[in-house]
Amino acid sequence: MSVAGDTLTAHMATLGPLVLPGSEILAYALSFVARRVFNSKGAKPYIPDFRTAFEHFCIHAGGRAVIDELQRGLGLSDELVEPSHMALHRFGNTSSSSVWYELAYLEAKGRVRKGDRVWMIGFGSGFKCNSAVWVCLRPPAPLVSGPWDGCMHRYPVTTVQ
């Protein structure tokens, strides 16, 4: 998991300046400078709050450990990772394609609104990390069919820890 964490960290360092508000970029920069100036090797770096950039997160449902670790690392609420857990519950580990089931879950639950931003995070072989950032231009039309058709009333389910 540490190699995947390093890959995600590098990916977030590239993505962050493109999507984070100025206040988060400034806080990260000040933390970086303070650690360098005071030579604080033991001090933890500031981790930007990506919740300020996105309303929704579709996390690669490669297993509960992956979802839980990203939830912990990014400080996400249970509600923000619910689509990932429910896609894992319903479809199992479908690799990076799980993010599309998660987006469909958000739409079926009516959670995506005009202007909302969605961050899809996927992992591939060789510890690759990729993401897509979406902005909702108009409210999604009610779904007449889809991967959650006929069962949405049963979700979310309670998962055993």
Protein backbone atom coordinates (compact mmCIF):
# COMPACT_ATOMS: atom_id res chain seq x y z
CA MET A 1 0.00 0.00 0.00
CA SER A 2 2.89 2.40 0.59
CA VAL A 3 3.87 2.37 -3.10
CA ALA A 4 0.27 3.17 -4.05
CA GLY A 5 0.28 5.94 -1.43
CA ASP A 6 3.43 7.44 -2.92
CA THR A 7 1.88 7.31 -6.38
CA LEU A 8 -1.29 9.01 -5.14
CA THR A 9 0.74 11.67 -3.33
CA ALA A 10 2.63 12.50 -6.52
CA HIS A 11 -0.64 12.55 -8.46
CA MET A 12 -2.27 14.88 -5.95
CA ALA A 13 0.75 17.21 -6.09
CA THR A 14 0.18 17.54 -9.83
CA LEU A 15 -3.61 17.85 -9.65
CA GLY A 16 -3.81 20.09 -6.57
CA PRO A 17 -2.65 23.37 -8.13
CA LEU A 18 -5.17 22.90 -10.93
CA VAL A 19 -8.25 22.36 -8.77
CA LEU A 20 -7.66 23.61 -5.23
CA PRO A 21 -8.73 27.09 -4.11
CA GLY A 22 -5.97 29.61 -3.46
CA SER A 23 -6.35 29.35 0.32
CA GLU A 24 -5.44 25.64 0.26
CA ILE A 25 -2.50 26.23 -2.08
CA LEU A 26 -1.25 29.02 0.19
CA ALA A 27 -1.58 26.88 3.33
CA TYR A 28 0.38 24.08 1.65
CA ALA A 29 3.09 26.50 0.45
CA LEU A 30 3.46 28.06 3.91
CA SER A 31 3.73 24.62 5.49
CA PHE A 32 6.36 23.60 2.95
CA VAL A 33 8.42 26.74 3.53
CA ALA A 34 8.14 26.44 7.33
CA ARG A 35 9.37 22.84 7.23
CA ARG A 36 12.34 23.87 5.06
CA VAL A 37 13.25 27.01 7.02
CA PHE A 38 12.99 25.37 10.44
CA ASN A 39 14.40 22.07 9.15
CA SER A 40 11.55 20.19 10.83
CA LYS A 41 12.08 16.71 9.47
CA GLY A 42 9.59 15.21 11.91
CA ALA A 43 6.80 17.68 11.16
CA LYS A 44 4.01 16.34 9.02
CA PRO A 45 3.38 18.20 5.78
CA TYR A 46 0.08 20.00 5.36
CA ILE A 47 -2.34 17.89 3.35
CA PRO A 48 -4.66 20.13 1.34
CA ASP A 49 -8.37 19.65 1.92
CA PHE A 50 -9.62 18.33 -1.41
CA ARG A 51 -13.18 18.59 -0.09
CA THR A 52 -12.85 22.31 -0.86
CA ALA A 53 -12.38 21.45 -4.53
CA PHE A 54 -14.95 18.66 -4.98
CA GLU A 55 -18.47 17.87 -3.84
CA HIS A 56 -18.24 14.18 -4.81
CA PHE A 57 -15.54 11.51 -4.85
CA CYS A 58 -15.59 8.31 -6.93
CA ILE A 59 -12.77 6.21 -5.52
CA HIS A 60 -11.51 3.07 -7.24
CA ALA A 61 -13.38 0.29 -5.44
CA GLY A 62 -10.47 -2.15 -5.49
CA GLY A 63 -11.28 -3.29 -1.98
CA ARG A 64 -12.44 -1.93 1.33
CA ALA A 65 -8.87 -1.25 2.44
CA VAL A 66 -8.28 1.02 -0.57
CA ILE A 67 -11.46 3.00 0.04
CA ASP A 68 -10.91 3.23 3.80
CA GLU A 69 -7.30 4.37 3.42
CA LEU A 70 -8.24 7.12 0.96
CA GLN A 71 -11.11 8.14 3.23
CA ARG A 72 -8.74 8.44 6.16
CA GLY A 73 -5.98 10.16 4.20
CA LEU A 74 -8.26 12.72 2.57
CA GLY A 75 -10.48 13.22 5.63
CA LEU A 76 -13.64 12.20 3.77
CA SER A 77 -16.95 11.55 5.50
CA ASP A 78 -18.78 8.23 5.29
CA GLU A 79 -21.31 9.87 2.98
CA LEU A 80 -18.58 10.94 0.53
CA VAL A 81 -17.24 7.39 0.21
CA GLU A 82 -20.67 5.73 0.27
CA PRO A 83 -20.83 5.39 -3.54
CA SER A 84 -17.49 3.54 -3.54
CA HIS A 85 -18.54 1.16 -0.77
CA MET A 86 -21.91 0.49 -2.42
CA ALA A 87 -20.34 -0.18 -5.84
CA LEU A 88 -17.94 -2.62 -4.17
CA HIS A 89 -20.86 -4.27 -2.38
CA ARG A 90 -23.03 -4.62 -5.50
CA PHE A 91 -20.46 -5.29 -8.24
CA GLY A 92 -17.30 -6.39 -6.43
CA ASN A 93 -13.85 -5.28 -7.54
CA THR A 94 -14.36 -4.19 -11.14
CA SER A 95 -11.02 -2.41 -11.19
CA SER A 96 -10.97 1.21 -12.33
CA SER A 97 -14.34 0.87 -14.08
CA SER A 98 -15.98 0.98 -10.65
CA VAL A 99 -15.85 4.79 -10.76
CA TRP A 100 -18.57 4.78 -13.44
CA TYR A 101 -20.85 2.67 -11.23
CA GLU A 102 -20.19 5.16 -8.45
CA LEU A 103 -21.11 8.13 -10.64
CA ALA A 104 -24.30 6.31 -11.67
CA TYR A 105 -25.02 5.75 -7.94
CA LEU A 106 -24.67 9.47 -7.23
CA GLU A 107 -26.98 10.30 -10.13
CA ALA A 108 -29.55 7.63 -9.16
CA LYS A 109 -29.60 9.02 -5.60
CA GLY A 110 -30.16 12.53 -7.00
CA ARG A 111 -27.05 13.93 -5.30
CA VAL A 112 -25.41 15.59 -8.31
CA ARG A 113 -26.46 19.18 -8.87
CA LYS A 114 -25.56 21.78 -11.47
CA GLY A 115 -22.08 23.13 -10.73
CA ASP A 116 -21.01 20.15 -8.60
CA ARG A 117 -17.51 18.83 -9.17
CA VAL A 118 -16.69 15.12 -9.14
CA TRP A 119 -13.22 13.62 -8.70
CA MET A 120 -12.83 10.11 -10.10
CA ILE A 121 -9.69 8.41 -8.80
CA GLY A 122 -8.53 5.14 -10.35
CA PHE A 123 -5.50 2.92 -9.88
CA GLY A 124 -3.95 0.66 -12.49
CA SER A 125 -1.32 -2.00 -12.77
CA GLY A 126 2.20 -1.05 -11.82
CA PHE A 127 0.85 1.37 -9.21
CA LYS A 128 -0.43 3.92 -11.68
CA CYS A 129 -2.90 6.55 -10.59
CA ASN A 130 -5.22 8.47 -12.86
CA SER A 131 -8.16 10.72 -12.30
CA ALA A 132 -10.86 12.61 -14.08
CA VAL A 133 -12.46 15.80 -12.90
CA TRP A 134 -16.03 16.47 -13.96
CA VAL A 135 -18.23 19.51 -13.57
CA CYS A 136 -21.98 19.02 -13.79
CA LEU A 137 -23.27 21.45 -16.41
CA ARG A 138 -26.94 20.64 -15.86
CA PRO A 139 -28.83 18.42 -13.45
CA PRO A 140 -28.83 14.81 -14.65
CA ALA A 141 -32.10 13.62 -16.17
CA PRO A 142 -33.90 10.95 -14.16
CA LEU A 143 -32.47 7.58 -15.12
CA VAL A 144 -34.86 5.19 -16.83
CA SER A 145 -32.35 2.36 -16.64
CA GLY A 146 -28.84 1.79 -15.46
CA PRO A 147 -26.68 -0.33 -13.20
CA TRP A 148 -28.71 0.59 -10.11
CA ASP A 149 -32.12 0.13 -11.76
CA GLY A 150 -34.63 -1.67 -9.59
CA CYS A 151 -32.46 -1.84 -6.48
CA MET A 152 -31.72 1.75 -5.47
CA HIS A 153 -34.27 1.53 -2.66
CA ARG A 154 -32.01 -1.05 -0.92
CA TYR A 155 -28.98 1.26 -0.78
CA PRO A 156 -27.04 2.25 1.16
CA VAL A 157 -26.62 -1.02 2.99
CA THR A 158 -24.93 -1.33 6.34
CA THR A 159 -21.55 -2.98 5.97
CA VAL A 160 -19.87 -4.98 8.68
CA GLN A 161 -16.57 -3.49 9.86
